[in-house]
Structures are given as C-alpha cells and as structure tokens.
Amino acid sequence: MRVINQQTVIIDQPPAYISDSKDCMYVQYNDGKRNFRVVLLVPFQTTSMKSSPNLPIEGATLSARQRAAYRVMFYSINLPRRLKLQAGIRNSELAQLLKTHGAATAAIVSACNPAGCLLPASKNKARHAALATAIKQLKLKALPAERKAESSADTAEDAYLVLDISGAQAESLLTEFDQHALLWCNQSGPPELMLHPLVRQKGPR
C-alpha cells in the first residue's frame, strides 16, 4: 500500500477487514507491521469482497492494550440511584436488581461507535434506537444504561441493561451492532466482559 496524498492511496493487497457499518465506511489493511484504516468518504460496492468467509472483523485484531481499556471501562444503570459497574468487580446491588426482576442473567450492550469508529451524535442516537428495536424483537426487557471509558474526558455512550438474556442472544447483539465487547452479568459472580466471537477466536495481537 502506497499513500500518495490525502486523496490518493494505491492498494495492491487484499483487505484485512471491510466495515459492515453503513454509518462508518472504511477498509482496513495490514502490511505486516502496522494496521492502516482507509476511511471512505463516498459509498462503494463491496459485494464480491464481502462474500469471502476469510475477512475477519476489526475486532479480531484487538490489542492487549485495547482489551485492558475495556476491562477498566465504567458501566452504569440509570435507576433512581445510579448503579455503577466494572468488569471483574462484584456488586451486591446488581445481584439484588437481577433478583428483583427475576433475571438470572443480564448484559449491558451499546450500539454506539461500531468497531471503535467514532460517529456523530445523531448517528449514534439512531443506532441506539435500532438496538432498542432489536431487544424488543428478542422479547426481552431492558433498562437504560451507559458505558464510559476510564478517562473522564470521554463522552458516555448510551446502552441498555438487557434482562434475562442468553449467551447466544448477547452474542447476536454484539455481531449485529459490530461491537467489540459487552458486560455480561449474573446473580452469583462479578460482571465480566463478553468479547465478540472473532475477538475470542483470534486472541490479542
């Protein structure tokens, strides 16, 4: 891959990843040393490339540092008194909340910023609404929630705490909305990250 200028890039290799999101179109390449993301400012036809089963999502190259960032991310449930959660830290109030709703499990999932690609607030709002629709189609109940990176300067992302969700249903939301991870919860242990299936398969780079 040769970068001529900001408008011209010569690519002579197959892509490592093609974004599935119509909101954030890009193609990612790897030259053996670094990853390159080419953001597409105009739509393009990817039918033939997308049909290949060997094109992993970007999450498959999630680094150990990026994984660590997800583990220290804060999650909150918007109850009358906000309940804050973090992966690996047990919370008795969460267990009581699940018992109150008769839910053995739950997951905090967001549809914002697919595959780590920052989107305008209007597009994230539309994706959040689509997530609400997907949850209703699964016939599950949900409570409003948020997730936020450890840095206080980062903006919180809208999310939902989806009650009594199965592992397969949670994984389907991850893949449908192109998310690296969600927070998996149950009554008996601390909440833990559930990674996109291809992230788990590939491991950290």
Protein backbone atom coordinates (compact mmCIF):
# COMPACT_ATOMS: atom_id res chain seq x y z
CA MET A 1 0.00 0.00 0.00
CA ARG A 2 1.40 3.42 -1.02
CA VAL A 3 -0.02 6.71 0.23
CA ILE A 4 0.36 9.33 -2.50
CA ASN A 5 -1.50 12.13 -0.70
CA GLN A 6 -4.66 12.62 1.36
CA GLN A 7 -6.82 11.91 -1.67
CA THR A 8 -4.89 9.10 -3.34
CA VAL A 9 -3.91 5.71 -1.94
CA ILE A 10 -2.58 2.86 -4.10
CA ILE A 11 -3.51 -0.53 -2.66
CA ASP A 12 -2.12 -3.76 -4.11
CA GLN A 13 -3.22 -6.26 -1.45
CA PRO A 14 -6.50 -7.77 -0.20
CA PRO A 15 -8.11 -6.03 2.79
CA ALA A 16 -7.85 -7.40 6.32
CA TYR A 17 -11.26 -6.01 7.17
CA ILE A 18 -14.18 -4.23 5.49
CA SER A 19 -16.50 -2.29 7.78
CA ASP A 20 -20.04 -3.67 8.00
CA SER A 21 -21.47 -0.37 9.18
CA LYS A 22 -23.14 1.93 6.68
CA ASP A 23 -22.56 4.74 9.17
CA CYS A 24 -18.78 4.45 9.14
CA MET A 25 -17.36 3.05 5.92
CA TYR A 26 -13.73 2.08 5.86
CA VAL A 27 -11.35 -0.64 4.73
CA GLN A 28 -8.50 -1.83 6.95
CA TYR A 29 -5.17 -3.22 5.68
CA ASN A 30 -2.13 -4.70 7.37
CA ASP A 31 1.33 -4.55 5.80
CA GLY A 32 2.80 -7.00 8.31
CA LYS A 33 3.95 -4.27 10.66
CA ARG A 34 1.08 -1.84 11.07
CA ASN A 35 -2.66 -1.60 10.52
CA PHE A 36 -3.93 1.04 8.09
CA ARG A 37 -7.52 2.26 8.01
CA VAL A 38 -8.78 3.91 4.84
CA VAL A 39 -11.93 5.89 5.62
CA LEU A 40 -14.27 6.05 2.64
CA LEU A 41 -15.92 9.38 2.02
CA VAL A 42 -18.19 8.00 -0.71
CA PRO A 43 -20.13 4.72 -0.90
CA PHE A 44 -18.55 1.84 -2.75
CA GLN A 45 -19.55 -1.64 -3.89
CA THR A 46 -18.14 -4.43 -1.74
CA THR A 47 -20.37 -7.35 -2.69
CA SER A 48 -17.64 -9.56 -4.12
CA MET A 49 -15.15 -8.89 -1.31
CA LYS A 50 -17.74 -9.29 1.44
CA SER A 51 -18.69 -12.74 0.18
CA SER A 52 -15.31 -14.10 1.27
CA PRO A 53 -15.50 -16.05 4.57
CA ASN A 54 -11.86 -15.20 5.37
CA LEU A 55 -12.33 -11.50 6.08
CA PRO A 56 -12.31 -11.05 9.89
CA ILE A 57 -13.90 -8.08 11.60
CA GLU A 58 -11.57 -5.45 13.01
CA GLY A 59 -12.21 -6.78 16.50
CA ALA A 60 -10.16 -9.86 15.60
CA THR A 61 -7.05 -7.66 15.86
CA LEU A 62 -7.97 -6.05 19.19
CA SER A 63 -4.71 -5.45 21.04
CA ALA A 64 -3.96 -6.40 24.65
CA ARG A 65 -3.93 -2.70 25.50
CA GLN A 66 -7.37 -2.21 23.93
CA ARG A 67 -8.69 -5.21 25.84
CA ALA A 68 -7.34 -3.72 29.07
CA ALA A 69 -9.16 -0.46 28.26
CA TYR A 70 -12.44 -2.36 28.01
CA ARG A 71 -11.81 -4.02 31.37
CA VAL A 72 -11.48 -0.67 33.17
CA MET A 73 -14.46 0.86 31.37
CA PHE A 74 -17.29 2.03 33.63
CA TYR A 75 -20.88 0.88 33.12
CA SER A 76 -23.85 2.46 34.83
CA ILE A 77 -27.53 1.62 35.07
CA ASN A 78 -29.86 4.60 35.24
CA LEU A 79 -32.00 3.71 38.23
CA PRO A 80 -33.34 6.30 40.70
CA ARG A 81 -29.87 5.93 42.23
CA ARG A 82 -27.26 5.24 39.55
CA LEU A 83 -25.63 1.82 39.84
CA LYS A 84 -22.01 1.77 38.64
CA LEU A 85 -20.32 -1.43 37.48
CA GLN A 86 -16.92 -2.53 36.25
CA ALA A 87 -15.71 -5.85 34.86
CA GLY A 88 -14.33 -8.21 37.49
CA ILE A 89 -15.77 -6.32 40.48
CA ARG A 90 -18.69 -7.95 42.26
CA ASN A 91 -21.62 -5.71 43.13
CA SER A 92 -24.31 -6.83 45.58
CA GLU A 93 -26.73 -4.19 44.31
CA LEU A 94 -26.52 -5.71 40.83
CA ALA A 95 -27.36 -9.15 42.19
CA GLN A 96 -30.34 -7.69 44.06
CA LEU A 97 -31.50 -5.84 40.95
CA LEU A 98 -31.49 -9.05 38.92
CA LYS A 99 -33.38 -10.89 41.66
CA THR A 100 -35.98 -8.11 41.78
CA HIS A 101 -36.59 -8.51 38.05
CA GLY A 102 -36.47 -12.31 38.19
CA ALA A 103 -33.50 -12.35 35.83
CA ALA A 104 -30.74 -14.95 36.14
CA THR A 105 -28.54 -13.04 33.70
CA ALA A 106 -28.20 -9.65 32.05
CA ALA A 107 -25.92 -7.82 29.63
CA ILE A 108 -25.01 -4.17 29.21
CA VAL A 109 -24.67 -3.59 25.49
CA SER A 110 -24.28 -0.47 23.36
CA ALA A 111 -24.71 0.09 19.64
CA CYS A 112 -22.69 3.32 19.57
CA ASN A 113 -19.40 3.79 17.73
CA PRO A 114 -19.25 0.44 15.88
CA ALA A 115 -15.86 -1.31 15.96
CA GLY A 116 -14.42 1.71 17.78
CA CYS A 117 -15.26 4.07 14.92
CA LEU A 118 -16.42 7.40 16.40
CA LEU A 119 -19.70 8.58 14.92
CA PRO A 120 -21.65 11.86 15.16
CA ALA A 121 -24.19 12.02 17.98
CA SER A 122 -27.10 11.85 15.51
CA LYS A 123 -25.90 8.53 14.06
CA ASN A 124 -25.25 7.05 17.49
CA LYS A 125 -28.77 8.09 18.51
CA ALA A 126 -30.20 6.26 15.50
CA ARG A 127 -28.12 3.16 16.29
CA HIS A 128 -29.31 3.25 19.91
CA ALA A 129 -32.91 3.31 18.68
CA ALA A 130 -32.17 0.34 16.41
CA LEU A 131 -30.75 -1.53 19.40
CA ALA A 132 -33.97 -0.90 21.32
CA THR A 133 -35.92 -2.38 18.41
CA ALA A 134 -33.64 -5.43 18.28
CA ILE A 135 -34.15 -6.03 22.01
CA LYS A 136 -37.92 -5.82 21.60
CA GLN A 137 -37.75 -8.32 18.75
CA LEU A 138 -35.99 -10.73 21.13
CA LYS A 139 -38.93 -10.16 23.52
CA LEU A 140 -36.58 -9.09 26.31
CA LYS A 141 -36.89 -6.31 28.86
CA ALA A 142 -34.19 -3.67 29.24
CA LEU A 143 -33.22 -0.76 31.47
CA PRO A 144 -31.39 2.37 30.28
CA ALA A 145 -27.65 2.27 30.87
CA GLU A 146 -24.36 3.86 29.79
CA ARG A 147 -20.78 2.85 29.25
CA LYS A 148 -17.84 5.17 29.58
CA ALA A 149 -14.08 4.90 29.18
CA GLU A 150 -11.87 5.40 32.22
CA SER A 151 -10.88 8.89 31.04
CA SER A 152 -13.28 11.48 32.42
CA ALA A 153 -12.91 13.45 29.20
CA ASP A 154 -14.63 10.75 27.15
CA THR A 155 -18.34 11.02 26.41
CA ALA A 156 -20.61 8.32 27.83
CA GLU A 157 -22.25 6.03 25.28
CA ASP A 158 -25.93 5.12 25.56
CA ALA A 159 -26.54 1.45 26.29
CA TYR A 160 -29.11 -0.95 27.71
CA LEU A 161 -29.05 -3.47 30.53
CA VAL A 162 -30.87 -6.35 28.82
CA LEU A 163 -32.50 -8.65 31.37
CA ASP A 164 -32.59 -12.46 31.32
CA ILE A 165 -30.67 -12.61 28.05
CA SER A 166 -29.00 -15.82 26.91
CA GLY A 167 -25.37 -16.04 25.86
CA ALA A 168 -26.40 -16.69 22.25
CA GLN A 169 -28.70 -13.66 22.23
CA ALA A 170 -25.98 -11.45 23.71
CA GLU A 171 -23.52 -12.63 21.08
CA SER A 172 -26.04 -11.90 18.33
CA LEU A 173 -26.31 -8.27 19.51
CA LEU A 174 -22.51 -7.96 19.54
CA THR A 175 -22.26 -9.10 15.93
CA GLU A 176 -25.36 -7.25 14.69
CA PHE A 177 -24.10 -3.91 16.02
CA ASP A 178 -20.39 -4.52 15.35
CA GLN A 179 -19.28 -4.14 18.98
CA HIS A 180 -16.00 -5.37 20.41
CA ALA A 181 -17.47 -6.29 23.81
CA LEU A 182 -20.38 -6.11 26.24
CA LEU A 183 -20.64 -6.54 30.01
CA TRP A 184 -22.09 -9.94 30.98
CA CYS A 185 -23.81 -10.13 34.37
CA ASN A 186 -25.38 -12.79 36.60
CA GLN A 187 -26.55 -13.10 40.19
CA SER A 188 -23.71 -15.22 41.51
CA GLY A 189 -20.48 -13.61 40.33
CA PRO A 190 -18.85 -10.35 39.24
CA PRO A 191 -19.76 -8.91 35.83
CA GLU A 192 -17.32 -9.91 33.09
CA LEU A 193 -16.59 -8.88 29.54
CA MET A 194 -18.07 -10.92 26.72
CA LEU A 195 -15.95 -10.34 23.62
CA HIS A 196 -17.07 -10.53 20.01
CA PRO A 197 -16.71 -14.18 18.88
CA LEU A 198 -13.94 -13.34 16.42
CA VAL A 199 -12.07 -11.43 19.11
CA ARG A 200 -12.14 -14.53 21.30
CA GLN A 201 -11.11 -16.72 18.40
CA LYS A 202 -8.17 -14.56 17.33
CA GLY A 203 -6.82 -13.53 20.72
CA PRO A 204 -4.79 -10.36 21.43
CA ARG A 205 -2.24 -9.25 18.88
